[in-house]
């Protein structure tokens, strides 16, 4: 009878070991996915910052062109 108890205990221990192994594999996969997503976030932030700089430059250019246009319109009104 005690042999059966040991067999059941051994089966439960093996099941626990198998479960732990699967969970460790899942953790590794999730870590890799997390690292990949973190890299994507960094890339997106870099792209966003670049777009913000470009947007700022374009707004400055637009402002310069508006001032030049206003100056030309002012000259036309003088004539």
PDB file of N, CA and C in Angstrom:
ATOM      1  N   UNK A   1       0.814  -1.189   0.000  1.00  0.00           N
ATOM      2  CA  UNK A   1       0.000   0.000   0.000  1.00  0.00           C
ATOM      3  C   UNK A   1       0.861   1.257   0.000  1.00  0.00           C
ATOM      4  N   UNK A   2       1.918   1.251   0.754  1.00  0.00           N
ATOM      5  CA  UNK A   2       2.768   2.431   0.801  1.00  0.00           C
ATOM      6  C   UNK A   2       3.478   2.625  -0.535  1.00  0.00           C
ATOM      7  N   UNK A   3       3.691   1.517  -1.272  1.00  0.00           N
ATOM      8  CA  UNK A   3       4.300   1.631  -2.591  1.00  0.00           C
ATOM      9  C   UNK A   3       3.396   2.424  -3.528  1.00  0.00           C
ATOM     10  N   UNK A   4       2.091   2.197  -3.448  1.00  0.00           N
ATOM     11  CA  UNK A   4       1.120   2.937  -4.264  1.00  0.00           C
ATOM     12  C   UNK A   4       1.131   4.418  -3.904  1.00  0.00           C
ATOM     13  N   UNK A   5       1.281   4.699  -2.621  1.00  0.00           N
ATOM     14  CA  UNK A   5       1.337   6.098  -2.180  1.00  0.00           C
ATOM     15  C   UNK A   5       2.571   6.777  -2.762  1.00  0.00           C
ATOM     16  N   UNK A   6       3.693   6.072  -2.744  1.00  0.00           N
ATOM     17  CA  UNK A   6       4.918   6.618  -3.323  1.00  0.00           C
ATOM     18  C   UNK A   6       4.779   6.832  -4.832  1.00  0.00           C
ATOM     19  N   UNK A   7       4.118   5.896  -5.512  1.00  0.00           N
ATOM     20  CA  UNK A   7       3.903   6.049  -6.952  1.00  0.00           C
ATOM     21  C   UNK A   7       3.030   7.271  -7.240  1.00  0.00           C
ATOM     22  N   UNK A   8       1.978   7.446  -6.444  1.00  0.00           N
ATOM     23  CA  UNK A   8       1.107   8.620  -6.622  1.00  0.00           C
ATOM     24  C   UNK A   8       1.887   9.902  -6.340  1.00  0.00           C
ATOM     25  N   UNK A   9       2.696   9.865  -5.290  1.00  0.00           N
ATOM     26  CA  UNK A   9       3.507  11.028  -4.941  1.00  0.00           C
ATOM     27  C   UNK A   9       4.506  11.331  -6.057  1.00  0.00           C
ATOM     28  N   UNK A  10       5.120  10.275  -6.585  1.00  0.00           N
ATOM     29  CA  UNK A  10       6.076  10.453  -7.672  1.00  0.00           C
ATOM     30  C   UNK A  10       5.390  11.050  -8.908  1.00  0.00           C
ATOM     31  N   UNK A  11       4.193  10.574  -9.206  1.00  0.00           N
ATOM     32  CA  UNK A  11       3.448  11.096 -10.354  1.00  0.00           C
ATOM     33  C   UNK A  11       3.114  12.573 -10.141  1.00  0.00           C
ATOM     34  N   UNK A  12       2.715  12.926  -8.930  1.00  0.00           N
ATOM     35  CA  UNK A  12       2.401  14.329  -8.639  1.00  0.00           C
ATOM     36  C   UNK A  12       3.645  15.203  -8.720  1.00  0.00           C
ATOM     37  N   UNK A  13       4.773  14.683  -8.221  1.00  0.00           N
ATOM     38  CA  UNK A  13       6.024  15.431  -8.302  1.00  0.00           C
ATOM     39  C   UNK A  13       6.422  15.620  -9.764  1.00  0.00           C
ATOM     40  N   UNK A  14       6.300  14.573 -10.566  1.00  0.00           N
ATOM     41  CA  UNK A  14       6.640  14.678 -11.985  1.00  0.00           C
ATOM     42  C   UNK A  14       5.717  15.676 -12.690  1.00  0.00           C
ATOM     43  N   UNK A  15       4.441  15.631 -12.332  1.00  0.00           N
ATOM     44  CA  UNK A  15       3.492  16.584 -12.917  1.00  0.00           C
ATOM     45  C   UNK A  15       3.866  18.020 -12.525  1.00  0.00           C
ATOM     46  N   UNK A  16       4.269  18.213 -11.285  1.00  0.00           N
ATOM     47  CA  UNK A  16       4.685  19.539 -10.828  1.00  0.00           C
ATOM     48  C   UNK A  16       5.938  19.997 -11.576  1.00  0.00           C
ATOM     49  N   UNK A  17       6.888  19.088 -11.768  1.00  0.00           N
ATOM     50  CA  UNK A  17       8.114  19.412 -12.502  1.00  0.00           C
ATOM     51  C   UNK A  17       7.780  19.787 -13.945  1.00  0.00           C
ATOM     52  N   UNK A  18       6.904  19.028 -14.573  1.00  0.00           N
ATOM     53  CA  UNK A  18       6.496  19.319 -15.946  1.00  0.00           C
ATOM     54  C   UNK A  18       5.816  20.685 -16.036  1.00  0.00           C
ATOM     55  N   UNK A  19       4.948  20.968 -15.086  1.00  0.00           N
ATOM     56  CA  UNK A  19       4.254  22.257 -15.061  1.00  0.00           C
ATOM     57  C   UNK A  19       5.241  23.399 -14.879  1.00  0.00           C
ATOM     58  N   UNK A  20       6.193  23.231 -13.974  1.00  0.00           N
ATOM     59  CA  UNK A  20       7.215  24.260 -13.733  1.00  0.00           C
ATOM     60  C   UNK A  20       8.038  24.487 -14.997  1.00  0.00           C
ATOM     61  N   UNK A  21       8.412  23.407 -15.671  1.00  0.00           N
ATOM     62  CA  UNK A  21       9.188  23.522 -16.898  1.00  0.00           C
ATOM     63  C   UNK A  21       8.413  24.293 -17.969  1.00  0.00           C
ATOM     64  N   UNK A  22       7.146  23.964 -18.128  1.00  0.00           N
ATOM     65  CA  UNK A  22       6.323  24.669 -19.112  1.00  0.00           C
ATOM     66  C   UNK A  22       6.177  26.148 -18.746  1.00  0.00           C
ATOM     67  N   UNK A  23       6.003  26.415 -17.479  1.00  0.00           N
ATOM     68  CA  UNK A  23       5.872  27.810 -17.040  1.00  0.00           C
ATOM     69  C   UNK A  23       7.166  28.584 -17.251  1.00  0.00           C
ATOM     70  N   UNK A  24       8.300  27.934 -17.026  1.00  0.00           N
ATOM     71  CA  UNK A  24       9.584  28.592 -17.271  1.00  0.00           C
ATOM     72  C   UNK A  24       9.760  28.905 -18.752  1.00  0.00           C
ATOM     73  N   UNK A  25       9.345  27.988 -19.609  1.00  0.00           N
ATOM     74  CA  UNK A  25       9.415  28.235 -21.045  1.00  0.00           C
ATOM     75  C   UNK A  25       8.507  29.407 -21.429  1.00  0.00           C
ATOM     76  N   UNK A  26       7.326  29.436 -20.864  1.00  0.00           N
ATOM     77  CA  UNK A  26       6.389  30.520 -21.143  1.00  0.00           C
ATOM     78  C   UNK A  26       6.956  31.867 -20.659  1.00  0.00           C
ATOM     79  N   UNK A  27       7.595  31.847 -19.497  1.00  0.00           N
ATOM     80  CA  UNK A  27       8.223  33.071 -18.974  1.00  0.00           C
ATOM     81  C   UNK A  27       9.301  33.566 -19.931  1.00  0.00           C
ATOM     82  N   UNK A  28      10.123  32.661 -20.448  1.00  0.00           N
ATOM     83  CA  UNK A  28      11.174  33.052 -21.388  1.00  0.00           C
ATOM     84  C   UNK A  28      10.577  33.652 -22.659  1.00  0.00           C
ATOM     85  N   UNK A  29       9.514  33.034 -23.170  1.00  0.00           N
ATOM     86  CA  UNK A  29       8.849  33.566 -24.357  1.00  0.00           C
ATOM     87  C   UNK A  29       8.297  34.962 -24.086  1.00  0.00           C
ATOM     88  N   UNK A  30       7.694  35.137 -22.923  1.00  0.00           N
ATOM     89  CA  UNK A  30       7.132  36.431 -22.574  1.00  0.00           C
ATOM     90  C   UNK A  30       8.217  37.492 -22.385  1.00  0.00           C
ATOM     91  N   UNK A  31       9.359  37.080 -21.835  1.00  0.00           N
ATOM     92  CA  UNK A  31      10.478  38.020 -21.696  1.00  0.00           C
ATOM     93  C   UNK A  31      10.960  38.478 -23.067  1.00  0.00           C
ATOM     94  N   UNK A  32      11.085  37.532 -24.008  1.00  0.00           N
ATOM     95  CA  UNK A  32      11.520  37.872 -25.358  1.00  0.00           C
ATOM     96  C   UNK A  32      10.514  38.814 -26.021  1.00  0.00           C
ATOM     97  N   UNK A  33       9.239  38.508 -25.854  1.00  0.00           N
ATOM     98  CA  UNK A  33       8.198  39.361 -26.435  1.00  0.00           C
ATOM     99  C   UNK A  33       8.244  40.745 -25.803  1.00  0.00           C
ATOM    100  N   UNK A  34       8.456  40.801 -24.497  1.00  0.00           N
ATOM    101  CA  UNK A  34       8.546  42.076 -23.792  1.00  0.00           C
ATOM    102  C   UNK A  34       9.719  42.901 -24.304  1.00  0.00           C
ATOM    103  N   UNK A  35      10.864  42.261 -24.499  1.00  0.00           N
ATOM    104  CA  UNK A  35      12.035  42.957 -25.033  1.00  0.00           C
ATOM    105  C   UNK A  35      11.763  43.483 -26.438  1.00  0.00           C
ATOM    106  N   UNK A  36      11.110  42.666 -27.249  1.00  0.00           N
ATOM    107  CA  UNK A  36      10.773  43.074 -28.611  1.00  0.00           C
ATOM    108  C   UNK A  36       9.831  44.277 -28.594  1.00  0.00           C
ATOM    109  N   UNK A  37       8.839  44.235 -27.736  1.00  0.00           N
ATOM    110  CA  UNK A  37       7.895  45.350 -27.634  1.00  0.00           C
ATOM    111  C   UNK A  37       8.576  46.603 -27.100  1.00  0.00           C
ATOM    112  N   UNK A  38       9.507  46.439 -26.186  1.00  0.00           N
ATOM    113  CA  UNK A  38      10.241  47.596 -25.649  1.00  0.00           C
ATOM    114  C   UNK A  38      11.060  48.254 -26.757  1.00  0.00           C
ATOM    115  N   UNK A  39      11.652  47.448 -27.632  1.00  0.00           N
ATOM    116  CA  UNK A  39      12.409  47.996 -28.764  1.00  0.00           C
ATOM    117  C   UNK A  39      11.478  48.731 -29.721  1.00  0.00           C
ATOM    118  N   UNK A  40      10.295  48.167 -29.958  1.00  0.00           N
ATOM    119  CA  UNK A  40       9.322  48.830 -30.828  1.00  0.00           C
ATOM    120  C   UNK A  40       8.900  50.172 -30.243  1.00  0.00           C
ATOM    121  N   UNK A  41       8.716  50.215 -28.929  1.00  0.00           N
ATOM    122  CA  UNK A  41       8.332  51.463 -28.269  1.00  0.00           C
ATOM    123  C   UNK A  41       9.438  52.498 -28.428  1.00  0.00           C
ATOM    124  N   UNK A  42      10.681  52.092 -28.242  1.00  0.00           N
ATOM    125  CA  UNK A  42      11.802  53.030 -28.402  1.00  0.00           C
ATOM    126  C   UNK A  42      11.866  53.553 -29.831  1.00  0.00           C
ATOM    127  N   UNK A  43      11.664  52.673 -30.795  1.00  0.00           N
ATOM    128  CA  UNK A  43      11.681  53.085 -32.195  1.00  0.00           C
ATOM    129  C   UNK A  43      10.542  54.069 -32.467  1.00  0.00           C
ATOM    130  N   UNK A  44       9.365  53.777 -31.944  1.00  0.00           N
ATOM    131  CA  UNK A  44       8.216  54.662 -32.149  1.00  0.00           C
ATOM    132  C   UNK A  44       8.455  56.019 -31.505  1.00  0.00           C
ATOM    133  N   UNK A  45       9.071  56.026 -30.330  1.00  0.00           N
ATOM    134  CA  UNK A  45       9.371  57.297 -29.667  1.00  0.00           C
ATOM    135  C   UNK A  45      10.374  58.106 -30.481  1.00  0.00           C
ATOM    136  N   UNK A  46      11.370  57.435 -31.025  1.00  0.00           N
ATOM    137  CA  UNK A  46      12.350  58.121 -31.870  1.00  0.00           C
ATOM    138  C   UNK A  46      11.690  58.703 -33.113  1.00  0.00           C
ATOM    139  N   UNK A  47      10.800  57.927 -33.725  1.00  0.00           N
ATOM    140  CA  UNK A  47      10.087  58.411 -34.902  1.00  0.00           C
ATOM    141  C   UNK A  47       9.199  59.599 -34.545  1.00  0.00           C
ATOM    142  N   UNK A  48       8.548  59.523 -33.408  1.00  0.00           N
ATOM    143  CA  UNK A  48       7.684  60.611 -32.957  1.00  0.00           C
ATOM    144  C   UNK A  48       8.486  61.890 -32.742  1.00  0.00           C
ATOM    145  N   UNK A  49       9.633  61.767 -32.101  1.00  0.00           N
ATOM    146  CA  UNK A  49      10.474  62.938 -31.859  1.00  0.00           C
ATOM    147  C   UNK A  49      10.954  63.537 -33.175  1.00  0.00           C
ATOM    148  N   UNK A  50      11.302  62.674 -34.118  1.00  0.00           N
ATOM    149  CA  UNK A  50      11.739  63.155 -35.425  1.00  0.00           C
ATOM    150  C   UNK A  50      10.603  63.888 -36.137  1.00  0.00           C
ATOM    151  N   UNK A  51       9.405  63.332 -36.065  1.00  0.00           N
ATOM    152  CA  UNK A  51       8.252  63.979 -36.684  1.00  0.00           C
ATOM    153  C   UNK A  51       7.920  65.309 -36.013  1.00  0.00           C
ATOM    154  N   UNK A  52       8.091  65.367 -34.698  1.00  0.00           N
ATOM    155  CA  UNK A  52       7.842  66.619 -33.992  1.00  0.00           C
ATOM    156  C   UNK A  52       8.835  67.693 -34.428  1.00  0.00           C
ATOM    157  N   UNK A  53      10.109  67.315 -34.599  1.00  0.00           N
ATOM    158  CA  UNK A  53      11.122  68.267 -35.083  1.00  0.00           C
ATOM    159  C   UNK A  53      10.775  68.751 -36.490  1.00  0.00           C
ATOM    160  N   UNK A  54      10.410  67.796 -37.342  1.00  0.00           N
ATOM    161  CA  UNK A  54      10.053  68.157 -38.712  1.00  0.00           C
ATOM    162  C   UNK A  54       8.829  69.074 -38.729  1.00  0.00           C
ATOM    163  N   UNK A  55       7.849  68.777 -37.905  1.00  0.00           N
ATOM    164  CA  UNK A  55       6.644  69.601 -37.810  1.00  0.00           C
ATOM    165  C   UNK A  55       7.002  71.020 -37.370  1.00  0.00           C
ATOM    166  N   UNK A  56       7.887  71.115 -36.401  1.00  0.00           N
ATOM    167  CA  UNK A  56       8.315  72.430 -35.918  1.00  0.00           C
ATOM    168  C   UNK A  56       9.017  73.206 -37.036  1.00  0.00           C
ATOM    169  N   UNK A  57       9.890  72.544 -37.775  1.00  0.00           N
ATOM    170  CA  UNK A  57      10.593  73.199 -38.884  1.00  0.00           C
ATOM    171  C   UNK A  57       9.614  73.669 -39.951  1.00  0.00           C
ATOM    172  N   UNK A  58       8.634  72.815 -40.260  1.00  0.00           N
ATOM    173  CA  UNK A  58       7.652  73.195 -41.277  1.00  0.00           C
ATOM    174  C   UNK A  58       6.803  74.376 -40.819  1.00  0.00           C
ATOM    175  N   UNK A  59       6.464  74.405 -39.547  1.00  0.00           N
ATOM    176  CA  UNK A  59       5.707  75.546 -39.018  1.00  0.00           C
ATOM    177  C   UNK A  59       6.527  76.827 -39.106  1.00  0.00           C
ATOM    178  N   UNK A  60       7.818  76.730 -38.821  1.00  0.00           N
ATOM    179  CA  UNK A  60       8.690  77.900 -38.944  1.00  0.00           C
ATOM    180  C   UNK A  60       8.767  78.366 -40.395  1.00  0.00           C
ATOM    181  N   UNK A  61       8.893  77.420 -41.319  1.00  0.00           N
ATOM    182  CA  UNK A  61       8.935  77.774 -42.738  1.00  0.00           C
ATOM    183  C   UNK A  61       7.623  78.419 -43.174  1.00  0.00           C
ATOM    184  N   UNK A  62       6.526  77.866 -42.691  1.00  0.00           N
ATOM    185  CA  UNK A  62       5.212  78.427 -43.027  1.00  0.00           C
ATOM    186  C   UNK A  62       5.121  79.863 -42.509  1.00  0.00           C
ATOM    187  N   UNK A  63       5.602  80.097 -41.310  1.00  0.00           N
ATOM    188  CA  UNK A  63       5.575  81.431 -40.737  1.00  0.00           C
ATOM    189  C   UNK A  63       6.402  82.406 -41.579  1.00  0.00           C
ATOM    190  N   UNK A  64       7.588  81.957 -42.014  1.00  0.00           N
ATOM    191  CA  UNK A  64       8.445  82.799 -42.851  1.00  0.00           C
ATOM    192  C   UNK A  64       7.740  83.136 -44.158  1.00  0.00           C
ATOM    193  N   UNK A  65       7.132  82.124 -44.785  1.00  0.00           N
ATOM    194  CA  UNK A  65       6.429  82.365 -46.048  1.00  0.00           C
ATOM    195  C   UNK A  65       5.235  83.291 -45.845  1.00  0.00           C
ATOM    196  N   UNK A  66       4.535  83.149 -44.735  1.00  0.00           N
ATOM    197  CA  UNK A  66       3.401  84.042 -44.465  1.00  0.00           C
ATOM    198  C   UNK A  66       3.882  85.484 -44.327  1.00  0.00           C
ATOM    199  N   UNK A  67       5.001  85.668 -43.643  1.00  0.00           N
ATOM    200  CA  UNK A  67       5.540  87.020 -43.486  1.00  0.00           C
ATOM    201  C   UNK A  67       5.954  87.594 -44.834  1.00  0.00           C
ATOM    202  N   UNK A  68       6.580  86.781 -45.672  1.00  0.00           N
ATOM    203  CA  UNK A  68       6.983  87.259 -46.998  1.00  0.00           C
ATOM    204  C   UNK A  68       5.764  87.604 -47.842  1.00  0.00           C
ATOM    205  N   UNK A  69       4.738  86.769 -47.758  1.00  0.00           N
ATOM    206  CA  UNK A  69       3.511  87.030 -48.511  1.00  0.00           C
ATOM    207  C   UNK A  69       2.847  88.314 -48.025  1.00  0.00           C
ATOM    208  N   UNK A  70       2.801  88.513 -46.726  1.00  0.00           N
ATOM    209  CA  UNK A  70       2.225  89.743 -46.177  1.00  0.00           C
ATOM    210  C   UNK A  70       3.013  90.960 -46.656  1.00  0.00           C
ATOM    211  N   UNK A  71       4.331  90.831 -46.705  1.00  0.00           N
ATOM    212  CA  UNK A  71       5.164  91.936 -47.179  1.00  0.00           C
ATOM    213  C   UNK A  71       4.878  92.234 -48.648  1.00  0.00           C
ATOM    214  N   UNK A  72       4.744  91.191 -49.467  1.00  0.00           N
ATOM    215  CA  UNK A  72       4.428  91.391 -50.884  1.00  0.00           C
ATOM    216  C   UNK A  72       3.051  92.023 -51.063  1.00  0.00           C
ATOM    217  N   UNK A  73       2.079  91.553 -50.287  1.00  0.00           N
ATOM    218  CA  UNK A  73       0.735  92.127 -50.359  1.00  0.00           C
ATOM    219  C   UNK A  73       0.758  93.591 -49.938  1.00  0.00           C
ATOM    220  N   UNK A  74       1.576  93.910 -48.954  1.00  0.00           N
ATOM    221  CA  UNK A  74       1.709  95.287 -48.501  1.00  0.00           C
ATOM    222  C   UNK A  74       2.297  96.156 -49.608  1.00  0.00           C
ATOM    223  N   UNK A  75       3.275  95.656 -50.329  1.00  0.00           N
ATOM    224  CA  UNK A  75       3.871  96.403 -51.433  1.00  0.00           C
ATOM    225  C   UNK A  75       2.861  96.626 -52.553  1.00  0.00           C
ATOM    226  N   UNK A  76       2.037  95.572 -52.812  1.00  0.00           N
ATOM    227  CA  UNK A  76       1.044  95.683 -53.872  1.00  0.00           C
ATOM    228  C   UNK A  76       0.001  96.758 -53.522  1.00  0.00           C
ATOM    229  N   UNK A  77      -0.358  96.844 -52.265  1.00  0.00           N
ATOM    230  CA  UNK A  77      -1.341  97.825 -51.848  1.00  0.00           C
ATOM    231  C   UNK A  77      -0.773  99.237 -51.979  1.00  0.00           C
ATOM    232  N   UNK A  78       0.521  99.369 -51.810  1.00  0.00           N
ATOM    233  CA  UNK A  78       1.166 100.682 -51.936  1.00  0.00           C
ATOM    234  C   UNK A  78       1.143 101.171 -53.374  1.00  0.00           C
ATOM    235  N   UNK A  79       1.158 100.219 -54.288  1.00  0.00           N
ATOM    236  CA  UNK A  79       1.206 100.577 -55.721  1.00  0.00           C
ATOM    237  C   UNK A  79      -0.127 100.898 -56.219  1.00  0.00           C
TER     238      UNK A  79
END
